[in-house]
Amino acid sequence: MSNPIRAALFDKDGTLFEFEATWGAWVAAVVRDLAPSDTDQQQRLAEAVGYDLSGARFRTDSIVIAASGDEVIATWFAVSDGLSEHFIREVCERNEAALPVVPCGDLHALVAALRSRSMLLGIATNDYHRVAVEHLAAGGLEHVFDHVLGCDSGYGAKPDPGMLLAFCTLAGVEPRATVMVGDSTRDLDAARNAGFGAAVGVLTGPASRAELEPFADVVLDSVAALPDWLATR
């Protein structure tokens, strides 16, 4: 039997919360506010981050899926017509406050099942820490996770292992006794780079099984299947 898993670290968007429901609405609102009277510019801004405005869906290679907030802002700044980076950031932050937050299933049941195994729990997201905390609060999960780390927490962004290793240090658990759960190859690459005990992909984000399988120990339909997989591991 492989090393026992004592901790689970989760990506946020596409893993714990529905990705399209949250961030599709956000991109549409941001590009509208950045170019309120220029539909061509709105289209260019959306395309730059891999979002189809007319179809209301992300391309699978969209930078919004796995990149940090700073990377998304930098992309918009690079293609914007005379907009300041400060203004773009302001518009992004203003629209984050009104985002719909839709859980990927019963997250309270998931947490209860993992806690019954005395597992430590955390979040490592390429979103900002503040936004992660707000989303957890909206889902009634603000006090559930032992540690919440974002791209601005001082440990870098995935696929670099900094956030993952920081969680292990804070939680007092070895990387090989920790599983990383995410919906993108960046999450799974980060797990490998950190020397984690397992890299688990989930299909609740934009990536397909075929895209995730080469990088994962297992690909599950959703985080709801994690407790059963751990029990049989």
C-alpha atoms as a PDB file:
ATOM      1  CA  MET A   1       0.000   0.000   0.000  1.00  0.00           C
ATOM      2  CA  SER A   2       1.230   3.539  -0.803  1.00  0.00           C
ATOM      3  CA  ASN A   3       1.953   6.190   1.799  1.00  0.00           C
ATOM      4  CA  PRO A   4      -1.181   7.214   3.741  1.00  0.00           C
ATOM      5  CA  ILE A   5      -2.662  10.560   2.774  1.00  0.00           C
ATOM      6  CA  ARG A   6      -3.066  12.893   5.754  1.00  0.00           C
ATOM      7  CA  ALA A   7      -4.019  16.121   3.984  1.00  0.00           C
ATOM      8  CA  ALA A   8      -5.950  17.302   0.931  1.00  0.00           C
ATOM      9  CA  LEU A   9      -5.226  20.560  -0.858  1.00  0.00           C
ATOM     10  CA  PHE A  10      -7.826  21.846  -3.309  1.00  0.00           C
ATOM     11  CA  ASP A  11      -7.861  24.237  -6.201  1.00  0.00           C
ATOM     12  CA  LYS A  12     -10.894  26.532  -5.965  1.00  0.00           C
ATOM     13  CA  ASP A  13     -12.517  27.370  -9.303  1.00  0.00           C
ATOM     14  CA  GLY A  14     -13.590  24.392 -11.367  1.00  0.00           C
ATOM     15  CA  THR A  15     -12.833  22.135  -8.413  1.00  0.00           C
ATOM     16  CA  LEU A  16     -14.873  23.370  -5.454  1.00  0.00           C
ATOM     17  CA  PHE A  17     -16.945  25.967  -7.307  1.00  0.00           C
ATOM     18  CA  GLU A  18     -18.401  25.916 -10.814  1.00  0.00           C
ATOM     19  CA  PHE A  19     -15.995  27.680 -13.157  1.00  0.00           C
ATOM     20  CA  GLU A  20     -18.208  28.827 -16.020  1.00  0.00           C
ATOM     21  CA  ALA A  21     -20.996  30.075 -13.749  1.00  0.00           C
ATOM     22  CA  THR A  22     -18.596  32.318 -11.869  1.00  0.00           C
ATOM     23  CA  TRP A  23     -15.891  33.465 -14.249  1.00  0.00           C
ATOM     24  CA  GLY A  24     -17.832  33.555 -17.500  1.00  0.00           C
ATOM     25  CA  ALA A  25     -20.133  36.144 -15.965  1.00  0.00           C
ATOM     26  CA  TRP A  26     -17.091  38.004 -14.667  1.00  0.00           C
ATOM     27  CA  VAL A  27     -15.288  38.231 -18.019  1.00  0.00           C
ATOM     28  CA  ALA A  28     -18.461  39.440 -19.740  1.00  0.00           C
ATOM     29  CA  ALA A  29     -18.991  42.124 -17.098  1.00  0.00           C
ATOM     30  CA  VAL A  30     -15.353  43.260 -17.073  1.00  0.00           C
ATOM     31  CA  VAL A  31     -15.008  43.655 -20.847  1.00  0.00           C
ATOM     32  CA  ARG A  32     -18.317  45.524 -20.948  1.00  0.00           C
ATOM     33  CA  ASP A  33     -17.064  47.950 -18.289  1.00  0.00           C
ATOM     34  CA  LEU A  34     -13.642  48.338 -19.903  1.00  0.00           C
ATOM     35  CA  ALA A  35     -15.161  49.224 -23.291  1.00  0.00           C
ATOM     36  CA  PRO A  36     -18.779  50.245 -22.630  1.00  0.00           C
ATOM     37  CA  SER A  37     -19.464  51.705 -26.089  1.00  0.00           C
ATOM     38  CA  ASP A  38     -17.081  49.674 -28.246  1.00  0.00           C
ATOM     39  CA  THR A  39     -18.336  46.186 -29.015  1.00  0.00           C
ATOM     40  CA  ASP A  40     -15.316  45.459 -31.223  1.00  0.00           C
ATOM     41  CA  GLN A  41     -12.981  46.231 -28.322  1.00  0.00           C
ATOM     42  CA  GLN A  42     -15.107  44.100 -26.004  1.00  0.00           C
ATOM     43  CA  GLN A  43     -14.675  41.236 -28.451  1.00  0.00           C
ATOM     44  CA  ARG A  44     -10.901  41.752 -28.639  1.00  0.00           C
ATOM     45  CA  LEU A  45     -10.587  41.827 -24.845  1.00  0.00           C
ATOM     46  CA  ALA A  46     -12.652  38.655 -24.472  1.00  0.00           C
ATOM     47  CA  GLU A  47     -10.707  36.837 -27.178  1.00  0.00           C
ATOM     48  CA  ALA A  48      -7.400  37.826 -25.560  1.00  0.00           C
ATOM     49  CA  VAL A  49      -8.279  35.774 -22.476  1.00  0.00           C
ATOM     50  CA  GLY A  50      -9.925  32.938 -24.391  1.00  0.00           C
ATOM     51  CA  TYR A  51     -13.599  33.721 -23.856  1.00  0.00           C
ATOM     52  CA  ASP A  52     -16.293  33.479 -26.528  1.00  0.00           C
ATOM     53  CA  LEU A  53     -18.741  36.301 -25.800  1.00  0.00           C
ATOM     54  CA  SER A  54     -21.396  35.180 -28.275  1.00  0.00           C
ATOM     55  CA  GLY A  55     -21.293  31.560 -27.101  1.00  0.00           C
ATOM     56  CA  ALA A  56     -20.790  32.489 -23.431  1.00  0.00           C
ATOM     57  CA  ARG A  57     -18.071  29.895 -22.933  1.00  0.00           C
ATOM     58  CA  PHE A  58     -14.319  29.604 -22.409  1.00  0.00           C
ATOM     59  CA  ARG A  59     -11.872  28.010 -24.800  1.00  0.00           C
ATOM     60  CA  THR A  60     -10.028  25.143 -23.173  1.00  0.00           C
ATOM     61  CA  ASP A  61      -6.779  27.114 -23.462  1.00  0.00           C
ATOM     62  CA  SER A  62      -8.194  30.241 -21.785  1.00  0.00           C
ATOM     63  CA  ILE A  63      -5.722  32.033 -19.534  1.00  0.00           C
ATOM     64  CA  VAL A  64      -8.535  32.615 -17.023  1.00  0.00           C
ATOM     65  CA  ILE A  65      -8.807  28.892 -16.342  1.00  0.00           C
ATOM     66  CA  ALA A  66      -5.536  28.450 -14.503  1.00  0.00           C
ATOM     67  CA  ALA A  67      -3.472  31.654 -14.605  1.00  0.00           C
ATOM     68  CA  SER A  68      -3.153  34.099 -11.735  1.00  0.00           C
ATOM     69  CA  GLY A  69      -5.242  37.246 -11.524  1.00  0.00           C
ATOM     70  CA  ASP A  70      -2.158  39.334 -12.248  1.00  0.00           C
ATOM     71  CA  GLU A  71      -1.554  37.399 -15.484  1.00  0.00           C
ATOM     72  CA  VAL A  72      -5.119  38.032 -16.638  1.00  0.00           C
ATOM     73  CA  ILE A  73      -4.840  41.754 -15.886  1.00  0.00           C
ATOM     74  CA  ALA A  74      -1.492  41.932 -17.686  1.00  0.00           C
ATOM     75  CA  THR A  75      -3.050  40.264 -20.741  1.00  0.00           C
ATOM     76  CA  TRP A  76      -5.870  42.796 -20.880  1.00  0.00           C
ATOM     77  CA  PHE A  77      -3.436  45.674 -20.373  1.00  0.00           C
ATOM     78  CA  ALA A  78      -1.313  44.438 -23.279  1.00  0.00           C
ATOM     79  CA  VAL A  79      -4.237  44.475 -25.735  1.00  0.00           C
ATOM     80  CA  SER A  80      -6.246  47.389 -24.344  1.00  0.00           C
ATOM     81  CA  ASP A  81      -6.440  50.696 -26.145  1.00  0.00           C
ATOM     82  CA  GLY A  82      -5.092  53.329 -23.766  1.00  0.00           C
ATOM     83  CA  LEU A  83      -6.400  51.824 -20.512  1.00  0.00           C
ATOM     84  CA  SER A  84      -4.186  51.960 -17.429  1.00  0.00           C
ATOM     85  CA  GLU A  85      -3.311  48.790 -15.541  1.00  0.00           C
ATOM     86  CA  HIS A  86      -4.669  50.440 -12.378  1.00  0.00           C
ATOM     87  CA  PHE A  87      -8.050  51.041 -14.015  1.00  0.00           C
ATOM     88  CA  ILE A  88      -8.238  47.473 -15.347  1.00  0.00           C
ATOM     89  CA  ARG A  89      -7.466  46.102 -11.889  1.00  0.00           C
ATOM     90  CA  GLU A  90     -10.111  48.367 -10.350  1.00  0.00           C
ATOM     91  CA  VAL A  91     -12.761  47.153 -12.809  1.00  0.00           C
ATOM     92  CA  CYS A  92     -11.786  43.521 -12.218  1.00  0.00           C
ATOM     93  CA  GLU A  93     -12.028  43.876  -8.447  1.00  0.00           C
ATOM     94  CA  ARG A  94     -15.335  45.745  -8.591  1.00  0.00           C
ATOM     95  CA  ASN A  95     -16.948  43.000 -10.658  1.00  0.00           C
ATOM     96  CA  GLU A  96     -15.573  40.221  -8.443  1.00  0.00           C
ATOM     97  CA  ALA A  97     -17.812  41.439  -5.619  1.00  0.00           C
ATOM     98  CA  ALA A  98     -20.975  40.487  -7.510  1.00  0.00           C
ATOM     99  CA  LEU A  99     -19.883  37.064  -8.773  1.00  0.00           C
ATOM    100  CA  PRO A 100     -22.298  34.119  -8.487  1.00  0.00           C
ATOM    101  CA  VAL A 101     -20.695  31.310  -6.464  1.00  0.00           C
ATOM    102  CA  VAL A 102     -22.031  27.839  -7.314  1.00  0.00           C
ATOM    103  CA  PRO A 103     -20.573  24.857  -5.387  1.00  0.00           C
ATOM    104  CA  CYS A 104     -19.592  21.689  -7.237  1.00  0.00           C
ATOM    105  CA  GLY A 105     -21.929  19.495  -5.222  1.00  0.00           C
ATOM    106  CA  ASP A 106     -22.319  19.174  -1.451  1.00  0.00           C
ATOM    107  CA  LEU A 107     -19.033  20.564  -0.168  1.00  0.00           C
ATOM    108  CA  HIS A 108     -20.103  20.292   3.464  1.00  0.00           C
ATOM    109  CA  ALA A 109     -20.594  16.538   3.028  1.00  0.00           C
ATOM    110  CA  LEU A 110     -17.190  16.315   1.352  1.00  0.00           C
ATOM    111  CA  VAL A 111     -15.497  18.118   4.226  1.00  0.00           C
ATOM    112  CA  ALA A 112     -17.294  15.965   6.810  1.00  0.00           C
ATOM    113  CA  ALA A 113     -16.150  12.781   5.055  1.00  0.00           C
ATOM    114  CA  LEU A 114     -12.532  13.947   4.934  1.00  0.00           C
ATOM    115  CA  ARG A 115     -12.538  15.209   8.502  1.00  0.00           C
ATOM    116  CA  SER A 116     -13.810  11.803   9.600  1.00  0.00           C
ATOM    117  CA  ARG A 117     -10.449  10.533   8.359  1.00  0.00           C
ATOM    118  CA  SER A 118      -8.718  13.226  10.493  1.00  0.00           C
ATOM    119  CA  MET A 119      -7.431  14.912   7.353  1.00  0.00           C
ATOM    120  CA  LEU A 120      -6.026  18.430   7.166  1.00  0.00           C
ATOM    121  CA  LEU A 121      -7.617  20.568   4.462  1.00  0.00           C
ATOM    122  CA  GLY A 122      -6.479  23.558   2.457  1.00  0.00           C
ATOM    123  CA  ILE A 123      -6.963  25.606  -0.677  1.00  0.00           C
ATOM    124  CA  ALA A 124      -4.273  26.679  -3.138  1.00  0.00           C
ATOM    125  CA  THR A 125      -5.723  28.931  -5.820  1.00  0.00           C
ATOM    126  CA  ASN A 126      -4.273  31.145  -8.511  1.00  0.00           C
ATOM    127  CA  ASP A 127      -7.018  33.597  -7.597  1.00  0.00           C
ATOM    128  CA  TYR A 128      -6.355  36.285  -5.007  1.00  0.00           C
ATOM    129  CA  HIS A 129      -6.549  35.304  -1.334  1.00  0.00           C
ATOM    130  CA  ARG A 130      -9.215  37.920  -0.627  1.00  0.00           C
ATOM    131  CA  VAL A 131     -11.471  36.599  -3.381  1.00  0.00           C
ATOM    132  CA  ALA A 132     -10.972  33.010  -2.217  1.00  0.00           C
ATOM    133  CA  VAL A 133     -12.062  33.930   1.303  1.00  0.00           C
ATOM    134  CA  GLU A 134     -15.096  35.800  -0.061  1.00  0.00           C
ATOM    135  CA  HIS A 135     -16.130  32.807  -2.163  1.00  0.00           C
ATOM    136  CA  LEU A 136     -15.786  30.449   0.787  1.00  0.00           C
ATOM    137  CA  ALA A 137     -17.882  32.774   2.924  1.00  0.00           C
ATOM    138  CA  ALA A 138     -20.569  32.902   0.229  1.00  0.00           C
ATOM    139  CA  GLY A 139     -20.674  29.109   0.311  1.00  0.00           C
ATOM    140  CA  GLY A 140     -20.770  28.960   4.115  1.00  0.00           C
ATOM    141  CA  LEU A 141     -17.281  27.448   4.178  1.00  0.00           C
ATOM    142  CA  GLU A 142     -15.254  30.301   5.638  1.00  0.00           C
ATOM    143  CA  HIS A 143     -14.083  28.330   8.696  1.00  0.00           C
ATOM    144  CA  VAL A 144     -13.765  24.900   7.101  1.00  0.00           C
ATOM    145  CA  PHE A 145     -10.244  24.889   5.674  1.00  0.00           C
ATOM    146  CA  ASP A 146      -7.095  24.954   7.771  1.00  0.00           C
ATOM    147  CA  HIS A 147      -5.197  27.184   5.362  1.00  0.00           C
ATOM    148  CA  VAL A 148      -6.199  29.220   2.304  1.00  0.00           C
ATOM    149  CA  LEU A 149      -3.442  30.392  -0.048  1.00  0.00           C
ATOM    150  CA  GLY A 150      -3.764  32.607  -3.102  1.00  0.00           C
ATOM    151  CA  CYS A 151      -1.478  33.858  -5.833  1.00  0.00           C
ATOM    152  CA  ASP A 152      -0.764  36.952  -3.726  1.00  0.00           C
ATOM    153  CA  SER A 153       0.040  35.100  -0.486  1.00  0.00           C
ATOM    154  CA  GLY A 154       3.756  35.350  -1.139  1.00  0.00           C
ATOM    155  CA  TYR A 155       4.462  31.821  -2.398  1.00  0.00           C
ATOM    156  CA  GLY A 156       4.034  32.234  -6.148  1.00  0.00           C
ATOM    157  CA  ALA A 157       1.381  30.700  -8.387  1.00  0.00           C
ATOM    158  CA  LYS A 158       0.787  27.201  -9.734  1.00  0.00           C
ATOM    159  CA  PRO A 159       2.376  25.290 -11.452  1.00  0.00           C
ATOM    160  CA  ASP A 160       5.263  26.454  -9.253  1.00  0.00           C
ATOM    161  CA  PRO A 161       5.201  24.409  -6.039  1.00  0.00           C
ATOM    162  CA  GLY A 162       5.512  27.333  -3.615  1.00  0.00           C
ATOM    163  CA  MET A 163       1.895  27.464  -2.425  1.00  0.00           C
ATOM    164  CA  LEU A 164       1.725  23.703  -2.061  1.00  0.00           C
ATOM    165  CA  LEU A 165       4.919  23.461  -0.039  1.00  0.00           C
ATOM    166  CA  ALA A 166       3.834  26.430   2.080  1.00  0.00           C
ATOM    167  CA  PHE A 167       0.608  24.613   2.956  1.00  0.00           C
ATOM    168  CA  CYS A 168       2.597  21.549   4.031  1.00  0.00           C
ATOM    169  CA  THR A 169       4.826  23.692   6.240  1.00  0.00           C
ATOM    170  CA  LEU A 170       1.882  25.516   7.791  1.00  0.00           C
ATOM    171  CA  ALA A 171      -0.089  22.302   8.323  1.00  0.00           C
ATOM    172  CA  GLY A 172       2.896  20.306   9.555  1.00  0.00           C
ATOM    173  CA  VAL A 173       2.432  17.542   6.997  1.00  0.00           C
ATOM    174  CA  GLU A 174       4.868  16.044   4.509  1.00  0.00           C
ATOM    175  CA  PRO A 175       4.255  16.636   0.782  1.00  0.00           C
ATOM    176  CA  ARG A 176       4.216  12.863   0.139  1.00  0.00           C
ATOM    177  CA  ALA A 177       1.325  12.572   2.613  1.00  0.00           C
ATOM    178  CA  THR A 178      -0.704  15.227   0.786  1.00  0.00           C
ATOM    179  CA  VAL A 179      -2.988  15.023  -2.232  1.00  0.00           C
ATOM    180  CA  MET A 180      -3.597  17.924  -4.620  1.00  0.00           C
ATOM    181  CA  VAL A 181      -7.028  18.068  -6.252  1.00  0.00           C
ATOM    182  CA  GLY A 182      -7.637  20.295  -9.251  1.00  0.00           C
ATOM    183  CA  ASP A 183      -9.306  20.712 -12.607  1.00  0.00           C
ATOM    184  CA  SER A 184      -6.307  21.901 -14.647  1.00  0.00           C
ATOM    185  CA  THR A 185      -2.910  20.635 -15.699  1.00  0.00           C
ATOM    186  CA  ARG A 186      -1.373  23.512 -13.722  1.00  0.00           C
ATOM    187  CA  ASP A 187      -2.786  22.001 -10.530  1.00  0.00           C
ATOM    188  CA  LEU A 188      -1.454  18.567 -11.400  1.00  0.00           C
ATOM    189  CA  ASP A 189       1.940  19.898 -12.482  1.00  0.00           C
ATOM    190  CA  ALA A 190       2.182  21.789  -9.200  1.00  0.00           C
ATOM    191  CA  ALA A 191       1.530  18.549  -7.306  1.00  0.00           C
ATOM    192  CA  ARG A 192       4.351  16.810  -9.172  1.00  0.00           C
ATOM    193  CA  ASN A 193       6.682  19.767  -8.695  1.00  0.00           C
ATOM    194  CA  ALA A 194       5.981  19.740  -4.950  1.00  0.00           C
ATOM    195  CA  GLY A 195       6.513  15.996  -4.575  1.00  0.00           C
ATOM    196  CA  PHE A 196       2.949  15.363  -3.434  1.00  0.00           C
ATOM    197  CA  GLY A 197       1.718  11.863  -2.723  1.00  0.00           C
ATOM    198  CA  ALA A 198      -0.984  12.079  -5.377  1.00  0.00           C
ATOM    199  CA  ALA A 199      -2.296  14.389  -8.080  1.00  0.00           C
ATOM    200  CA  VAL A 200      -6.062  14.081  -8.576  1.00  0.00           C
ATOM    201  CA  GLY A 201      -7.883  15.630 -11.522  1.00  0.00           C
ATOM    202  CA  VAL A 202     -11.593  16.440 -11.536  1.00  0.00           C
ATOM    203  CA  LEU A 203     -13.928  16.963 -14.487  1.00  0.00           C
ATOM    204  CA  THR A 204     -15.938  19.889 -13.097  1.00  0.00           C
ATOM    205  CA  GLY A 205     -13.734  22.439 -14.884  1.00  0.00           C
ATOM    206  CA  PRO A 206     -13.150  23.098 -18.592  1.00  0.00           C
ATOM    207  CA  ALA A 207     -10.463  20.403 -19.072  1.00  0.00           C
ATOM    208  CA  SER A 208     -11.381  16.983 -20.442  1.00  0.00           C
ATOM    209  CA  ARG A 209     -10.386  13.588 -19.094  1.00  0.00           C
ATOM    210  CA  ALA A 210      -7.993  13.140 -22.018  1.00  0.00           C
ATOM    211  CA  GLU A 211      -6.253  16.415 -21.149  1.00  0.00           C
ATOM    212  CA  LEU A 212      -5.887  15.596 -17.450  1.00  0.00           C
ATOM    213  CA  GLU A 213      -5.066  11.877 -17.469  1.00  0.00           C
ATOM    214  CA  PRO A 214      -1.405  12.182 -18.580  1.00  0.00           C
ATOM    215  CA  PHE A 215      -0.686  14.334 -15.527  1.00  0.00           C
ATOM    216  CA  ALA A 216      -2.908  12.694 -12.881  1.00  0.00           C
ATOM    217  CA  ASP A 217      -2.817   9.595 -10.707  1.00  0.00           C
ATOM    218  CA  VAL A 218      -6.572   9.466 -11.148  1.00  0.00           C
ATOM    219  CA  VAL A 219      -9.275  11.600 -12.765  1.00  0.00           C
ATOM    220  CA  LEU A 220     -12.573  11.737 -10.874  1.00  0.00           C
ATOM    221  CA  ASP A 221     -15.936  13.049 -11.996  1.00  0.00           C
ATOM    222  CA  SER A 222     -15.926  15.529  -9.105  1.00  0.00           C
ATOM    223  CA  VAL A 223     -14.505  16.130  -5.629  1.00  0.00           C
ATOM    224  CA  ALA A 224     -17.462  14.145  -4.255  1.00  0.00           C
ATOM    225  CA  ALA A 225     -15.668  10.965  -5.352  1.00  0.00           C
ATOM    226  CA  LEU A 226     -12.467  11.774  -3.446  1.00  0.00           C
ATOM    227  CA  PRO A 227     -13.335  10.098  -0.101  1.00  0.00           C
ATOM    228  CA  ASP A 228     -14.190   6.799  -1.804  1.00  0.00           C
ATOM    229  CA  TRP A 229     -10.997   6.916  -3.875  1.00  0.00           C
ATOM    230  CA  LEU A 230      -8.925   7.544  -0.763  1.00  0.00           C
ATOM    231  CA  ALA A 231     -10.613   4.626   0.977  1.00  0.00           C
ATOM    232  CA  THR A 232      -9.575   2.225  -1.772  1.00  0.00           C
ATOM    233  CA  ARG A 233      -6.106   3.652  -2.381  1.00  0.00           C
END
